[in-house]
Amino acid sequence: MQQKKICFIGAGNMSRAIIAGLVKSGYDATLITATNPSASKLDALAADFGINTSHDNLASAESAEVIVLAVKPQLMQGVCESLRGAAKGKLLITIAAGIPARRYQDYFAEPVKLIRTMPNTPMQLGLGMTGLYASADIDAEDKAFAGSLMQACGDIVWVEDEAGIDKVIALAGSSPAYFFLFIEAMIEAGVKLGLPEADARTLAQQAAIGAAAMVKENPQLPLATLRANVTSKGGTTAEAIATFEAGGLRTLVDDAMNNCIKRAQEMAGSF
């Protein structure tokens, strides 16, 4: 990975995860700066990873080659407007959901080189999944750098058009919460059956980890085959699966993901 001076505007969990992945992979920590109003967050990053920190967004952006915009969507306009002039000719990478690429041109009041990304929270463990979108005017070097940046914390997928980012949100960005909900429901059911909560959690979480690993380690096998391998005809698993199917699980998942995309589109209209 080519090493450039990077400035993270915002020092939340996603910035921390990316910075951790970069430093662990051998990236020069002295080339990384993070900014944030919170001294405690900056002090922790400096102590843990040896990076530079600052409360001055503009000065930090001016000295960087790559600017990662890692603030909440509702704060993005004000932050970008405060950086006008500092972003000219530099690569901008945004991890904010809901804000279309064209809006950044308005925020900065000039054309900017921007790559949209949609990471998810397992990045904090190096197990993230990030979707990326770049318009046709972004060159191969900038795309390669952005891809390598996110690969420091997990896997990546490039989407061909910006609408694909909303699909990434539904399938990966938001989906850790889906799995948390399902595991939570399993634990609650286990407790109702009389298991201690700690044991129910251990059983459910390890089953989820193992099932995900089997999916990843057997890419040649359809999910239906993996499922069938656990589901003896007329057995206990078959009864549970039949209950899920009768309850409309597939339709519910489809509706949830479509509603997720719909909300992302609504958010885009508000910025």
Protein backbone atom coordinates (compact mmCIF):
# COMPACT_ATOMS: atom_id res chain seq x y z
CA MET A 1 0.00 0.00 0.00
CA GLN A 2 1.31 3.42 -0.95
CA GLN A 3 1.87 5.56 2.13
CA LYS A 4 0.46 9.08 2.13
CA LYS A 5 -0.28 11.67 4.78
CA ILE A 6 -3.82 10.96 5.98
CA CYS A 7 -6.06 13.18 8.07
CA PHE A 8 -9.11 11.68 9.79
CA ILE A 9 -11.68 14.37 10.47
CA GLY A 10 -13.46 12.73 13.38
CA ALA A 11 -12.07 10.23 15.87
CA GLY A 12 -15.00 7.90 16.55
CA ASN A 13 -15.13 4.12 16.45
CA MET A 14 -14.81 3.80 12.68
CA SER A 15 -11.76 6.08 12.52
CA ARG A 16 -10.21 4.16 15.39
CA ALA A 17 -10.83 0.85 13.63
CA ILE A 18 -9.28 2.01 10.36
CA ILE A 19 -6.30 3.56 12.14
CA ALA A 20 -5.75 0.37 14.13
CA GLY A 21 -5.82 -1.70 10.95
CA LEU A 22 -3.43 0.61 9.15
CA VAL A 23 -0.87 0.69 11.95
CA LYS A 24 -1.10 -3.07 12.46
CA SER A 25 -0.45 -3.59 8.75
CA GLY A 26 2.74 -1.52 8.95
CA TYR A 27 1.51 1.91 7.91
CA ASP A 28 3.73 4.71 9.26
CA ALA A 29 1.83 6.14 12.24
CA THR A 30 3.62 9.48 11.89
CA LEU A 31 1.77 9.99 8.57
CA ILE A 32 -1.64 9.74 10.27
CA THR A 33 -3.45 12.62 11.98
CA ALA A 34 -6.85 12.49 13.68
CA THR A 35 -8.89 15.50 14.70
CA ASN A 36 -11.74 15.73 17.19
CA PRO A 37 -13.15 18.14 19.78
CA SER A 38 -12.72 15.42 22.43
CA ALA A 39 -9.28 15.45 24.03
CA SER A 40 -9.85 12.05 25.63
CA LYS A 41 -10.49 10.34 22.28
CA LEU A 42 -7.42 11.95 20.75
CA ASP A 43 -5.22 11.10 23.72
CA ALA A 44 -6.31 7.47 23.53
CA LEU A 45 -5.50 7.27 19.81
CA ALA A 46 -2.09 8.85 20.33
CA ALA A 47 -1.30 6.53 23.22
CA ASP A 48 -2.50 3.37 21.50
CA PHE A 49 -1.18 3.91 17.98
CA GLY A 50 1.40 6.71 18.09
CA ILE A 51 -0.43 8.91 15.58
CA ASN A 52 -0.63 12.70 15.49
CA THR A 53 -3.71 14.42 16.88
CA SER A 54 -5.16 17.91 16.65
CA HIS A 55 -8.22 19.98 17.43
CA ASP A 56 -7.62 22.02 14.25
CA ASN A 57 -9.49 20.47 11.32
CA LEU A 58 -8.37 23.04 8.75
CA ALA A 59 -4.65 22.96 9.51
CA SER A 60 -4.65 19.17 9.61
CA ALA A 61 -6.52 18.90 6.31
CA GLU A 62 -4.21 21.41 4.64
CA SER A 63 -1.14 19.34 5.50
CA ALA A 64 -2.67 16.02 4.41
CA GLU A 65 -2.72 14.29 1.03
CA VAL A 66 -5.84 12.23 1.83
CA ILE A 67 -8.76 13.42 3.96
CA VAL A 68 -11.11 10.90 5.56
CA LEU A 69 -14.44 12.50 6.46
CA ALA A 70 -15.60 10.55 9.49
CA VAL A 71 -18.20 12.75 11.18
CA LYS A 72 -21.93 12.18 11.63
CA PRO A 73 -24.04 12.99 8.55
CA GLN A 74 -25.83 15.87 10.29
CA LEU A 75 -22.45 17.53 10.98
CA MET A 76 -20.95 16.92 7.55
CA GLN A 77 -22.03 20.12 5.80
CA GLY A 78 -20.60 22.40 8.46
CA VAL A 79 -17.35 20.45 8.63
CA CYS A 80 -16.89 20.47 4.86
CA GLU A 81 -17.66 24.17 4.59
CA SER A 82 -14.99 24.86 7.22
CA LEU A 83 -12.47 22.96 5.06
CA ARG A 84 -13.09 24.87 1.84
CA GLY A 85 -9.86 25.43 0.01
CA ALA A 86 -8.02 22.72 1.94
CA ALA A 87 -9.48 19.86 -0.11
CA LYS A 88 -8.58 21.08 -3.58
CA GLY A 89 -6.85 18.36 -5.60
CA LYS A 90 -6.81 15.92 -2.68
CA LEU A 91 -8.52 12.57 -2.33
CA LEU A 92 -11.55 12.69 -0.03
CA ILE A 93 -12.94 9.48 1.45
CA THR A 94 -16.27 9.66 3.26
CA ILE A 95 -17.70 7.00 5.56
CA ALA A 96 -20.98 8.85 6.15
CA ALA A 97 -24.26 7.18 5.20
CA GLY A 98 -26.98 8.95 3.28
CA ILE A 99 -25.09 11.85 1.70
CA PRO A 100 -24.81 11.57 -2.10
CA ALA A 101 -21.49 12.41 -3.76
CA ARG A 102 -22.92 15.45 -5.56
CA ARG A 103 -23.71 17.13 -2.25
CA TYR A 104 -20.04 17.27 -1.32
CA GLN A 105 -19.41 19.41 -4.38
CA ASP A 106 -21.91 21.88 -2.92
CA TYR A 107 -20.43 21.67 0.57
CA PHE A 108 -16.94 22.46 -0.70
CA ALA A 109 -18.20 24.92 -3.35
CA GLU A 110 -15.86 23.37 -5.93
CA PRO A 111 -15.27 20.01 -7.63
CA VAL A 112 -13.63 17.49 -5.30
CA LYS A 113 -12.22 13.99 -5.75
CA LEU A 114 -14.49 11.90 -3.58
CA ILE A 115 -14.91 8.20 -2.86
CA ARG A 116 -17.95 7.10 -0.86
CA THR A 117 -17.55 4.13 1.45
CA MET A 118 -19.95 2.20 3.66
CA PRO A 119 -18.12 0.19 6.34
CA ASN A 120 -19.64 -1.76 9.20
CA THR A 121 -18.80 -2.04 12.88
CA PRO A 122 -16.94 -5.41 12.76
CA MET A 123 -14.11 -3.30 11.34
CA GLN A 124 -13.23 -2.82 15.01
CA LEU A 125 -12.12 -6.48 15.05
CA GLY A 126 -10.51 -6.45 11.61
CA LEU A 127 -13.55 -8.33 10.28
CA GLY A 128 -15.27 -5.46 8.51
CA MET A 129 -17.11 -5.34 5.22
CA THR A 130 -16.94 -2.11 3.23
CA GLY A 131 -18.67 -1.12 0.03
CA LEU A 132 -17.00 1.59 -2.06
CA TYR A 133 -18.17 3.82 -4.90
CA ALA A 134 -16.08 6.11 -7.07
CA SER A 135 -17.30 8.21 -9.99
CA ALA A 136 -15.68 7.78 -13.40
CA ASP A 137 -13.33 10.74 -12.87
CA ILE A 138 -11.49 9.06 -9.97
CA ASP A 139 -8.22 7.58 -11.19
CA ALA A 140 -6.94 4.07 -10.57
CA GLU A 141 -4.32 5.18 -8.03
CA ASP A 142 -6.88 6.88 -5.80
CA LYS A 143 -9.23 3.90 -6.04
CA ALA A 144 -6.42 1.53 -5.15
CA PHE A 145 -5.46 3.64 -2.13
CA ALA A 146 -9.04 3.83 -0.83
CA GLY A 147 -9.47 0.08 -1.32
CA SER A 148 -6.25 -0.68 0.55
CA LEU A 149 -7.27 1.67 3.36
CA MET A 150 -10.48 -0.26 3.98
CA GLN A 151 -8.90 -3.66 3.42
CA ALA A 152 -6.72 -2.98 6.46
CA CYS A 153 -9.87 -3.75 8.49
CA GLY A 154 -11.62 -6.45 6.45
CA ASP A 155 -13.03 -7.18 3.01
CA ILE A 156 -14.23 -4.74 0.36
CA VAL A 157 -16.63 -4.66 -2.59
CA TRP A 158 -16.73 -1.93 -5.23
CA VAL A 159 -20.16 -1.01 -6.59
CA GLU A 160 -20.60 0.22 -10.15
CA ASP A 161 -23.11 2.99 -9.44
CA GLU A 162 -23.87 5.13 -6.41
CA ALA A 163 -27.24 3.46 -5.84
CA GLY A 164 -25.25 0.35 -5.02
CA ILE A 165 -24.07 1.97 -1.79
CA ASP A 166 -27.64 1.83 -0.45
CA LYS A 167 -27.71 -1.88 -1.21
CA VAL A 168 -24.42 -2.30 0.65
CA ILE A 169 -26.00 -0.52 3.63
CA ALA A 170 -28.88 -3.02 3.66
CA LEU A 171 -26.73 -6.10 3.16
CA ALA A 172 -23.61 -5.24 5.20
CA GLY A 173 -23.62 -1.79 6.79
CA SER A 174 -26.76 -2.35 8.86
CA SER A 175 -26.80 -6.13 8.93
CA PRO A 176 -24.62 -6.73 12.01
CA ALA A 177 -27.62 -5.41 13.94
CA TYR A 178 -29.84 -8.01 12.24
CA PHE A 179 -27.60 -10.80 13.47
CA PHE A 180 -27.37 -9.27 16.93
CA LEU A 181 -31.16 -9.22 17.06
CA PHE A 182 -31.43 -12.86 15.99
CA ILE A 183 -28.80 -13.98 18.52
CA GLU A 184 -30.53 -11.89 21.18
CA ALA A 185 -33.82 -13.63 20.42
CA MET A 186 -32.13 -17.04 20.61
CA ILE A 187 -30.62 -16.19 23.99
CA GLU A 188 -33.97 -14.99 25.32
CA ALA A 189 -35.59 -18.23 24.13
CA GLY A 190 -32.83 -20.25 25.78
CA VAL A 191 -33.38 -18.48 29.09
CA LYS A 192 -37.10 -19.19 28.86
CA LEU A 193 -36.20 -22.85 28.40
CA GLY A 194 -34.33 -22.74 31.70
CA LEU A 195 -30.71 -22.21 30.65
CA PRO A 196 -28.55 -19.70 32.56
CA GLU A 197 -28.19 -16.54 30.46
CA ALA A 198 -24.39 -16.88 30.27
CA ASP A 199 -24.70 -20.44 28.92
CA ALA A 200 -27.41 -19.44 26.45
CA ARG A 201 -25.19 -16.66 25.15
CA THR A 202 -22.17 -18.93 24.81
CA LEU A 203 -24.22 -21.51 22.90
CA ALA A 204 -25.84 -18.98 20.56
CA GLN A 205 -22.79 -16.87 19.83
CA GLN A 206 -20.52 -19.82 19.14
CA ALA A 207 -23.12 -21.38 16.84
CA ALA A 208 -23.25 -18.08 14.91
CA ILE A 209 -19.45 -17.85 14.68
CA GLY A 210 -19.18 -21.44 13.54
CA ALA A 211 -21.97 -21.13 10.97
CA ALA A 212 -20.41 -17.98 9.48
CA ALA A 213 -17.02 -19.70 9.29
CA MET A 214 -18.56 -22.67 7.47
CA VAL A 215 -20.12 -20.31 4.91
CA LYS A 216 -16.81 -18.56 4.33
CA GLU A 217 -14.72 -21.73 4.18
CA ASN A 218 -17.06 -23.46 1.70
CA PRO A 219 -17.64 -20.89 -1.07
CA GLN A 220 -18.36 -23.67 -3.56
CA LEU A 221 -21.40 -24.85 -1.60
CA PRO A 222 -24.81 -23.18 -1.90
CA LEU A 223 -26.26 -22.06 1.42
CA ALA A 224 -29.13 -24.42 0.83
CA THR A 225 -26.66 -27.33 0.79
CA LEU A 226 -25.03 -26.26 4.04
CA ARG A 227 -28.48 -25.97 5.58
CA ALA A 228 -29.55 -29.36 4.25
CA ASN A 229 -26.44 -30.95 5.74
CA VAL A 230 -27.72 -29.99 9.20
CA THR A 231 -31.38 -30.77 8.53
CA SER A 232 -32.30 -34.43 8.79
CA LYS A 233 -35.71 -35.18 7.30
CA GLY A 234 -38.30 -35.26 10.05
CA GLY A 235 -35.74 -34.27 12.67
CA THR A 236 -35.43 -31.45 15.19
CA THR A 237 -33.73 -28.98 12.86
CA ALA A 238 -36.31 -29.59 10.16
CA GLU A 239 -39.06 -28.71 12.62
CA ALA A 240 -37.35 -25.44 13.58
CA ILE A 241 -36.70 -24.50 9.94
CA ALA A 242 -40.30 -25.26 9.02
CA THR A 243 -41.40 -22.91 11.79
CA PHE A 244 -39.22 -20.10 10.46
CA GLU A 245 -40.48 -20.65 6.92
CA ALA A 246 -44.13 -20.76 8.04
CA GLY A 247 -43.57 -17.49 9.89
CA GLY A 248 -42.43 -15.79 6.68
CA LEU A 249 -38.78 -15.29 7.61
CA ARG A 250 -37.64 -14.76 4.01
CA THR A 251 -40.36 -12.18 3.33
CA LEU A 252 -39.56 -10.41 6.59
CA VAL A 253 -35.86 -10.20 5.70
CA ASP A 254 -36.69 -8.94 2.21
CA ASP A 255 -39.02 -6.28 3.62
CA ALA A 256 -36.46 -5.21 6.22
CA MET A 257 -33.71 -4.76 3.65
CA ASN A 258 -35.96 -2.87 1.25
CA ASN A 259 -37.07 -0.58 4.08
CA CYS A 260 -33.42 -0.02 4.96
CA ILE A 261 -32.72 1.08 1.38
CA LYS A 262 -35.82 3.27 1.37
CA ARG A 263 -34.64 5.03 4.51
CA ALA A 264 -31.18 5.58 3.01
CA GLN A 265 -32.83 7.19 -0.03
CA GLU A 266 -34.95 9.39 2.25
CA MET A 267 -31.84 10.47 4.13
CA ALA A 268 -30.13 11.37 0.85
CA GLY A 269 -33.01 13.71 0.06
CA SER A 270 -32.55 15.57 3.33
CA PHE A 271 -28.96 16.61 2.70
